[in-house]
Amino acid sequence: RTGWALPWALLPLLFGFCLLETYSVITEEQNDLADRKVMNSYLPATVEFALYTFNQQSKDEQAYRLERILASWRDNVGEYNDIVFSMELLLRRTTCGKLEEDTENCPFEDRPERSRSFTCFFTVRTLPWMTKFDLFNKTFGWHQE
């Protein structure tokens, strides 16, 4: 009888390790889902802030509009539960002046001599519950097709 007691005593320990591993996989999936929710909820406003900042700082009189998001990701959470996003955006010149109200619906400039596109990289911190944004980093260059 004592020969069988040791394997039966180890059985609960073995199941405990299996449960811990299963729990960590579920937690990782939940974290991925939470990150996707944060991206879907707060990235659009952050992109809008980055575009607004670009247009305000641009010396061009024409407005630029988002052509597409090339890449985006969430960086580590900052010290005040803020959210930090990094994004690479393709911005293209429009036919509208940058001081006009509805630049989101402006057509892109299609005349080759006036058409310009920029690939821009932004890192922006946001406190979404306060609608507060801080630009940490921006770099941009001409976009070549």
N, C-alpha and C. Protein backbone atom coordinates (compact mmCIF):
# COMPACT_ATOMS: atom_id res chain seq x y z
N ARG A 1 0.81 -1.21 0.00
CA ARG A 1 0.00 0.00 0.00
C ARG A 1 0.85 1.27 0.00
N THR A 2 1.91 1.27 0.68
CA THR A 2 2.72 2.48 0.74
C THR A 2 3.35 2.81 -0.61
N GLY A 3 3.50 1.81 -1.47
CA GLY A 3 4.05 2.04 -2.80
C GLY A 3 3.14 2.89 -3.67
N TRP A 4 1.81 2.82 -3.45
CA TRP A 4 0.85 3.58 -4.24
C TRP A 4 0.53 4.95 -3.63
N ALA A 5 0.84 5.15 -2.38
CA ALA A 5 0.47 6.39 -1.69
C ALA A 5 1.22 7.59 -2.27
N LEU A 6 2.49 7.44 -2.57
CA LEU A 6 3.28 8.56 -3.08
C LEU A 6 2.77 9.07 -4.44
N PRO A 7 2.51 8.21 -5.45
CA PRO A 7 1.98 8.74 -6.71
C PRO A 7 0.64 9.44 -6.55
N TRP A 8 -0.27 8.90 -5.72
CA TRP A 8 -1.57 9.55 -5.51
C TRP A 8 -1.40 10.89 -4.80
N ALA A 9 -0.42 11.01 -3.93
CA ALA A 9 -0.18 12.26 -3.21
C ALA A 9 0.35 13.33 -4.17
N LEU A 10 1.07 12.94 -5.21
CA LEU A 10 1.62 13.90 -6.16
C LEU A 10 0.60 14.36 -7.20
N LEU A 11 -0.49 13.61 -7.35
CA LEU A 11 -1.49 13.93 -8.36
C LEU A 11 -2.10 15.33 -8.20
N PRO A 12 -2.52 15.75 -6.99
CA PRO A 12 -3.05 17.12 -6.85
C PRO A 12 -2.02 18.18 -7.19
N LEU A 13 -0.75 17.92 -6.88
CA LEU A 13 0.31 18.86 -7.21
C LEU A 13 0.44 19.01 -8.72
N LEU A 14 0.36 17.91 -9.45
CA LEU A 14 0.45 17.93 -10.90
C LEU A 14 -0.71 18.72 -11.51
N PHE A 15 -1.93 18.50 -11.02
CA PHE A 15 -3.07 19.25 -11.52
C PHE A 15 -2.95 20.73 -11.19
N GLY A 16 -2.36 21.06 -10.08
CA GLY A 16 -2.17 22.46 -9.71
C GLY A 16 -1.30 23.19 -10.73
N PHE A 17 -0.22 22.57 -11.21
CA PHE A 17 0.63 23.18 -12.22
C PHE A 17 -0.12 23.36 -13.54
N CYS A 18 -0.94 22.39 -13.91
CA CYS A 18 -1.73 22.51 -15.14
C CYS A 18 -2.71 23.68 -15.04
N LEU A 19 -3.34 23.84 -13.92
CA LEU A 19 -4.28 24.94 -13.74
C LEU A 19 -3.58 26.29 -13.78
N LEU A 20 -2.39 26.39 -13.20
CA LEU A 20 -1.65 27.64 -13.24
C LEU A 20 -1.29 28.01 -14.67
N GLU A 21 -0.88 27.07 -15.47
CA GLU A 21 -0.52 27.35 -16.85
C GLU A 21 -1.75 27.77 -17.65
N THR A 22 -2.86 27.12 -17.46
CA THR A 22 -4.10 27.49 -18.14
C THR A 22 -4.53 28.89 -17.74
N TYR A 23 -4.40 29.23 -16.49
CA TYR A 23 -4.77 30.56 -16.00
C TYR A 23 -3.91 31.64 -16.66
N SER A 24 -2.61 31.39 -16.80
CA SER A 24 -1.74 32.40 -17.40
C SER A 24 -2.08 32.62 -18.87
N VAL A 25 -2.50 31.60 -19.60
CA VAL A 25 -2.89 31.76 -20.99
C VAL A 25 -4.16 32.59 -21.07
N ILE A 26 -5.11 32.34 -20.23
CA ILE A 26 -6.35 33.12 -20.22
C ILE A 26 -6.05 34.58 -19.90
N THR A 27 -5.17 34.82 -18.95
CA THR A 27 -4.81 36.18 -18.56
C THR A 27 -4.15 36.90 -19.73
N GLU A 28 -3.27 36.23 -20.46
CA GLU A 28 -2.60 36.83 -21.60
C GLU A 28 -3.62 37.19 -22.69
N GLU A 29 -4.57 36.30 -22.95
CA GLU A 29 -5.62 36.58 -23.93
C GLU A 29 -6.48 37.76 -23.48
N GLN A 30 -6.77 37.82 -22.20
CA GLN A 30 -7.57 38.93 -21.68
C GLN A 30 -6.80 40.24 -21.83
N ASN A 31 -5.49 40.20 -21.59
CA ASN A 31 -4.67 41.40 -21.76
C ASN A 31 -4.67 41.87 -23.21
N ASP A 32 -4.56 40.92 -24.16
CA ASP A 32 -4.61 41.28 -25.57
C ASP A 32 -5.94 41.91 -25.93
N LEU A 33 -7.02 41.36 -25.42
CA LEU A 33 -8.35 41.91 -25.67
C LEU A 33 -8.47 43.31 -25.08
N ALA A 34 -7.96 43.49 -23.87
CA ALA A 34 -8.00 44.81 -23.23
C ALA A 34 -7.18 45.83 -24.03
N ASP A 35 -6.01 45.42 -24.54
CA ASP A 35 -5.20 46.33 -25.36
C ASP A 35 -5.93 46.71 -26.64
N ARG A 36 -6.60 45.76 -27.27
CA ARG A 36 -7.37 46.06 -28.49
C ARG A 36 -8.50 47.04 -28.19
N LYS A 37 -9.15 46.87 -27.05
CA LYS A 37 -10.23 47.79 -26.68
C LYS A 37 -9.69 49.20 -26.47
N VAL A 38 -8.53 49.30 -25.81
CA VAL A 38 -7.91 50.61 -25.58
C VAL A 38 -7.55 51.24 -26.92
N MET A 39 -6.95 50.45 -27.83
CA MET A 39 -6.58 50.98 -29.15
C MET A 39 -7.82 51.47 -29.89
N ASN A 40 -8.87 50.66 -29.91
CA ASN A 40 -10.09 51.04 -30.63
C ASN A 40 -10.77 52.26 -30.01
N SER A 41 -10.68 52.39 -28.69
CA SER A 41 -11.35 53.49 -28.00
C SER A 41 -10.59 54.81 -28.10
N TYR A 42 -9.27 54.78 -27.94
CA TYR A 42 -8.51 56.02 -27.76
C TYR A 42 -7.57 56.38 -28.90
N LEU A 43 -7.23 55.43 -29.77
CA LEU A 43 -6.32 55.76 -30.87
C LEU A 43 -6.91 56.78 -31.85
N PRO A 44 -8.18 56.68 -32.26
CA PRO A 44 -8.70 57.67 -33.22
C PRO A 44 -8.55 59.13 -32.76
N ALA A 45 -8.85 59.41 -31.52
CA ALA A 45 -8.71 60.78 -31.02
C ALA A 45 -7.24 61.18 -30.96
N THR A 46 -6.37 60.23 -30.68
CA THR A 46 -4.94 60.51 -30.61
C THR A 46 -4.39 60.81 -32.00
N VAL A 47 -4.85 60.07 -33.00
CA VAL A 47 -4.46 60.34 -34.40
C VAL A 47 -4.95 61.73 -34.80
N GLU A 48 -6.17 62.07 -34.43
CA GLU A 48 -6.72 63.39 -34.74
C GLU A 48 -5.88 64.49 -34.11
N PHE A 49 -5.43 64.29 -32.86
CA PHE A 49 -4.56 65.27 -32.21
C PHE A 49 -3.24 65.41 -32.97
N ALA A 50 -2.65 64.29 -33.38
CA ALA A 50 -1.38 64.32 -34.10
C ALA A 50 -1.54 65.07 -35.43
N LEU A 51 -2.62 64.81 -36.14
CA LEU A 51 -2.88 65.50 -37.40
C LEU A 51 -3.09 67.00 -37.17
N TYR A 52 -3.85 67.34 -36.16
CA TYR A 52 -4.08 68.75 -35.81
C TYR A 52 -2.75 69.44 -35.50
N THR A 53 -1.90 68.80 -34.72
CA THR A 53 -0.60 69.36 -34.36
C THR A 53 0.26 69.55 -35.61
N PHE A 54 0.27 68.55 -36.50
CA PHE A 54 1.03 68.67 -37.74
C PHE A 54 0.57 69.89 -38.53
N ASN A 55 -0.75 70.03 -38.71
CA ASN A 55 -1.27 71.15 -39.49
C ASN A 55 -0.96 72.49 -38.83
N GLN A 56 -1.04 72.56 -37.51
CA GLN A 56 -0.75 73.82 -36.80
C GLN A 56 0.71 74.22 -36.95
N GLN A 57 1.61 73.24 -36.93
CA GLN A 57 3.04 73.53 -36.98
C GLN A 57 3.58 73.64 -38.40
N SER A 58 2.79 73.20 -39.37
CA SER A 58 3.21 73.25 -40.76
C SER A 58 3.23 74.69 -41.27
N LYS A 59 4.21 75.00 -42.10
CA LYS A 59 4.28 76.34 -42.70
C LYS A 59 3.42 76.42 -43.95
N ASP A 60 2.93 75.28 -44.40
CA ASP A 60 2.08 75.21 -45.58
C ASP A 60 0.71 75.80 -45.24
N GLU A 61 0.13 76.55 -46.16
CA GLU A 61 -1.20 77.13 -45.95
C GLU A 61 -2.31 76.10 -46.19
N GLN A 62 -1.99 75.02 -46.89
CA GLN A 62 -2.97 73.98 -47.17
C GLN A 62 -3.02 72.99 -46.00
N ALA A 63 -4.19 72.42 -45.79
CA ALA A 63 -4.37 71.41 -44.74
C ALA A 63 -3.89 70.05 -45.25
N TYR A 64 -3.43 69.25 -44.32
CA TYR A 64 -3.08 67.86 -44.61
C TYR A 64 -4.10 66.97 -43.93
N ARG A 65 -4.35 65.83 -44.56
CA ARG A 65 -5.36 64.90 -44.06
C ARG A 65 -4.75 63.52 -44.02
N LEU A 66 -5.26 62.70 -43.14
CA LEU A 66 -4.77 61.33 -43.01
C LEU A 66 -5.15 60.53 -44.26
N GLU A 67 -4.13 59.97 -44.89
CA GLU A 67 -4.40 59.05 -46.00
C GLU A 67 -4.55 57.64 -45.46
N ARG A 68 -3.62 57.25 -44.57
CA ARG A 68 -3.77 55.95 -43.90
C ARG A 68 -2.80 55.85 -42.73
N ILE A 69 -3.17 54.97 -41.81
CA ILE A 69 -2.29 54.65 -40.68
C ILE A 69 -1.38 53.52 -41.15
N LEU A 70 -0.08 53.77 -41.14
CA LEU A 70 0.88 52.76 -41.59
C LEU A 70 1.19 51.75 -40.48
N ALA A 71 1.26 52.23 -39.24
CA ALA A 71 1.52 51.37 -38.09
C ALA A 71 1.10 52.12 -36.83
N SER A 72 0.69 51.35 -35.83
CA SER A 72 0.36 51.96 -34.54
C SER A 72 0.49 50.90 -33.46
N TRP A 73 0.87 51.35 -32.28
CA TRP A 73 0.98 50.45 -31.14
C TRP A 73 0.90 51.25 -29.86
N ARG A 74 0.57 50.54 -28.82
CA ARG A 74 0.47 51.13 -27.49
C ARG A 74 1.78 50.88 -26.77
N ASP A 75 2.37 51.94 -26.26
CA ASP A 75 3.60 51.81 -25.48
C ASP A 75 3.23 51.54 -24.03
N ASN A 76 4.23 51.36 -23.20
CA ASN A 76 3.98 51.11 -21.78
C ASN A 76 3.19 52.24 -21.15
N VAL A 77 2.41 51.89 -20.16
CA VAL A 77 1.61 52.88 -19.46
C VAL A 77 2.55 53.79 -18.67
N GLY A 78 2.25 55.06 -18.68
CA GLY A 78 3.07 56.03 -17.97
C GLY A 78 2.80 56.04 -16.48
N GLU A 79 3.29 57.07 -15.84
CA GLU A 79 3.25 57.12 -14.38
C GLU A 79 1.89 57.48 -13.81
N TYR A 80 1.00 58.10 -14.56
CA TYR A 80 -0.30 58.53 -14.03
C TYR A 80 -1.45 57.75 -14.65
N ASN A 81 -1.22 56.49 -15.00
CA ASN A 81 -2.22 55.68 -15.70
C ASN A 81 -2.59 56.28 -17.04
N ASP A 82 -1.68 57.06 -17.60
CA ASP A 82 -1.91 57.60 -18.92
C ASP A 82 -1.63 56.52 -19.96
N ILE A 83 -1.97 56.80 -21.17
CA ILE A 83 -1.77 55.86 -22.27
C ILE A 83 -0.85 56.53 -23.27
N VAL A 84 0.16 55.80 -23.73
CA VAL A 84 1.10 56.34 -24.70
C VAL A 84 0.99 55.53 -25.99
N PHE A 85 0.74 56.23 -27.08
CA PHE A 85 0.65 55.60 -28.39
C PHE A 85 1.80 56.07 -29.27
N SER A 86 2.31 55.16 -30.07
CA SER A 86 3.22 55.52 -31.14
C SER A 86 2.53 55.15 -32.44
N MET A 87 2.71 55.98 -33.44
CA MET A 87 2.01 55.73 -34.70
C MET A 87 2.80 56.31 -35.86
N GLU A 88 2.71 55.63 -36.97
CA GLU A 88 3.30 56.10 -38.21
C GLU A 88 2.13 56.36 -39.16
N LEU A 89 2.03 57.61 -39.62
CA LEU A 89 0.88 58.04 -40.41
C LEU A 89 1.34 58.56 -41.77
N LEU A 90 0.54 58.31 -42.77
CA LEU A 90 0.76 58.89 -44.08
C LEU A 90 -0.22 60.05 -44.23
N LEU A 91 0.32 61.27 -44.30
CA LEU A 91 -0.49 62.48 -44.41
C LEU A 91 -0.32 63.05 -45.81
N ARG A 92 -1.41 63.54 -46.36
CA ARG A 92 -1.38 64.04 -47.74
C ARG A 92 -2.04 65.41 -47.81
N ARG A 93 -1.49 66.25 -48.63
CA ARG A 93 -1.97 67.62 -48.81
C ARG A 93 -3.36 67.63 -49.44
N THR A 94 -4.20 68.55 -48.97
CA THR A 94 -5.55 68.69 -49.51
C THR A 94 -5.68 69.99 -50.29
N THR A 95 -6.85 70.19 -50.88
CA THR A 95 -7.12 71.44 -51.61
C THR A 95 -7.62 72.54 -50.68
N CYS A 96 -7.88 72.23 -49.42
CA CYS A 96 -8.43 73.20 -48.47
C CYS A 96 -7.32 73.89 -47.69
N GLY A 97 -7.61 75.11 -47.28
CA GLY A 97 -6.71 75.82 -46.40
C GLY A 97 -6.77 75.22 -45.00
N LYS A 98 -5.68 75.33 -44.27
CA LYS A 98 -5.65 74.68 -42.95
C LYS A 98 -6.51 75.39 -41.91
N LEU A 99 -6.98 76.59 -42.20
CA LEU A 99 -7.85 77.29 -41.25
C LEU A 99 -9.32 77.04 -41.53
N GLU A 100 -9.64 76.30 -42.57
CA GLU A 100 -11.04 75.99 -42.87
C GLU A 100 -11.57 75.01 -41.83
N GLU A 101 -12.89 75.01 -41.65
CA GLU A 101 -13.50 74.19 -40.61
C GLU A 101 -13.53 72.70 -40.91
N ASP A 102 -13.95 72.31 -42.10
CA ASP A 102 -14.18 70.90 -42.40
C ASP A 102 -13.07 70.32 -43.28
N THR A 103 -11.88 70.23 -42.74
CA THR A 103 -10.76 69.70 -43.53
C THR A 103 -10.80 68.17 -43.62
N GLU A 104 -11.59 67.52 -42.77
CA GLU A 104 -11.68 66.05 -42.82
C GLU A 104 -12.26 65.56 -44.14
N ASN A 105 -13.11 66.36 -44.76
CA ASN A 105 -13.76 65.95 -46.00
C ASN A 105 -13.18 66.62 -47.23
N CYS A 106 -12.07 67.29 -47.08
CA CYS A 106 -11.41 67.96 -48.20
C CYS A 106 -10.82 66.92 -49.15
N PRO A 107 -10.94 67.17 -50.44
CA PRO A 107 -10.29 66.25 -51.39
C PRO A 107 -8.77 66.43 -51.34
N PHE A 108 -8.08 65.35 -51.63
CA PHE A 108 -6.62 65.42 -51.72
C PHE A 108 -6.22 66.23 -52.95
N GLU A 109 -5.11 66.91 -52.84
CA GLU A 109 -4.55 67.64 -53.97
C GLU A 109 -4.10 66.63 -55.02
N ASP A 110 -4.58 66.80 -56.26
CA ASP A 110 -4.22 65.81 -57.28
C ASP A 110 -3.29 66.37 -58.36
N ARG A 111 -3.03 67.67 -58.32
CA ARG A 111 -2.09 68.24 -59.28
C ARG A 111 -0.68 67.87 -58.85
N PRO A 112 0.08 67.22 -59.71
CA PRO A 112 1.41 66.72 -59.32
C PRO A 112 2.34 67.80 -58.77
N GLU A 113 2.27 69.01 -59.31
CA GLU A 113 3.18 70.06 -58.85
C GLU A 113 2.81 70.58 -57.46
N ARG A 114 1.61 70.31 -56.99
CA ARG A 114 1.17 70.78 -55.67
C ARG A 114 0.96 69.65 -54.66
N SER A 115 0.93 68.43 -55.16
CA SER A 115 0.67 67.28 -54.29
C SER A 115 1.89 66.95 -53.45
N ARG A 116 1.65 66.75 -52.17
CA ARG A 116 2.73 66.38 -51.24
C ARG A 116 2.19 65.38 -50.24
N SER A 117 3.03 64.43 -49.87
CA SER A 117 2.69 63.46 -48.82
C SER A 117 3.86 63.37 -47.86
N PHE A 118 3.53 63.17 -46.60
CA PHE A 118 4.53 63.00 -45.56
C PHE A 118 4.28 61.69 -44.83
N THR A 119 5.36 61.00 -44.54
CA THR A 119 5.29 59.88 -43.61
C THR A 119 5.74 60.45 -42.27
N CYS A 120 4.86 60.38 -41.29
CA CYS A 120 5.12 61.01 -39.99
C CYS A 120 5.07 59.97 -38.88
N PHE A 121 5.97 60.11 -37.94
CA PHE A 121 5.99 59.26 -36.75
C PHE A 121 5.70 60.15 -35.55
N PHE A 122 4.71 59.75 -34.75
CA PHE A 122 4.33 60.50 -33.56
C PHE A 122 4.32 59.58 -32.35
N THR A 123 4.71 60.10 -31.21
CA THR A 123 4.48 59.45 -29.93
C THR A 123 3.70 60.45 -29.09
N VAL A 124 2.52 60.02 -28.66
CA VAL A 124 1.60 60.92 -27.96
C VAL A 124 1.12 60.25 -26.68
N ARG A 125 1.17 61.03 -25.60
CA ARG A 125 0.59 60.56 -24.33
C ARG A 125 -0.80 61.15 -24.22
N THR A 126 -1.73 60.32 -23.77
CA THR A 126 -3.09 60.81 -23.59
C THR A 126 -3.63 60.43 -22.22
N LEU A 127 -4.37 61.33 -21.67
CA LEU A 127 -5.18 61.08 -20.48
C LEU A 127 -6.62 61.19 -20.98
N PRO A 128 -7.18 60.10 -21.52
CA PRO A 128 -8.45 60.19 -22.24
C PRO A 128 -9.62 60.67 -21.39
N TRP A 129 -9.62 60.39 -20.12
CA TRP A 129 -10.73 60.82 -19.26
C TRP A 129 -10.70 62.32 -19.04
N MET A 130 -9.58 62.98 -19.38
CA MET A 130 -9.46 64.43 -19.27
C MET A 130 -9.38 65.09 -20.66
N THR A 131 -9.40 64.30 -21.71
CA THR A 131 -9.20 64.76 -23.09
C THR A 131 -7.93 65.61 -23.17
N LYS A 132 -6.86 65.07 -22.63
CA LYS A 132 -5.57 65.75 -22.60
C LYS A 132 -4.57 64.95 -23.41
N PHE A 133 -3.80 65.64 -24.25
CA PHE A 133 -2.80 65.00 -25.09
C PHE A 133 -1.48 65.75 -24.95
N ASP A 134 -0.38 65.04 -24.97
CA ASP A 134 0.95 65.63 -24.97
C ASP A 134 1.77 64.96 -26.06
N LEU A 135 2.37 65.76 -26.92
CA LEU A 135 3.22 65.24 -27.97
C LEU A 135 4.61 65.01 -27.41
N PHE A 136 5.06 63.76 -27.42
CA PHE A 136 6.40 63.41 -26.92
C PHE A 136 7.43 63.47 -28.03
N ASN A 137 7.04 63.04 -29.24
CA ASN A 137 8.00 62.92 -30.31
C ASN A 137 7.28 63.05 -31.64
N LYS A 138 7.94 63.70 -32.60
CA LYS A 138 7.43 63.72 -33.96
C LYS A 138 8.61 63.81 -34.92
N THR A 139 8.53 63.03 -35.95
CA THR A 139 9.51 63.10 -37.03
C THR A 139 8.73 62.90 -38.32
N PHE A 140 9.17 63.54 -39.38
CA PHE A 140 8.49 63.34 -40.64
C PHE A 140 9.45 63.58 -41.80
N GLY A 141 9.07 63.02 -42.92
CA GLY A 141 9.83 63.17 -44.14
C GLY A 141 8.92 63.02 -45.34
N TRP A 142 9.40 63.43 -46.49
CA TRP A 142 8.62 63.30 -47.71
C TRP A 142 8.32 61.84 -47.96
N HIS A 143 7.15 61.60 -48.48
CA HIS A 143 6.77 60.24 -48.86
C HIS A 143 7.01 60.07 -50.34
N GLN A 144 7.78 59.06 -50.68
CA GLN A 144 8.07 58.76 -52.07
C GLN A 144 7.28 57.53 -52.48
N GLU A 145 6.60 57.57 -53.59
CA GLU A 145 5.84 56.40 -54.07
C GLU A 145 6.66 55.59 -55.02
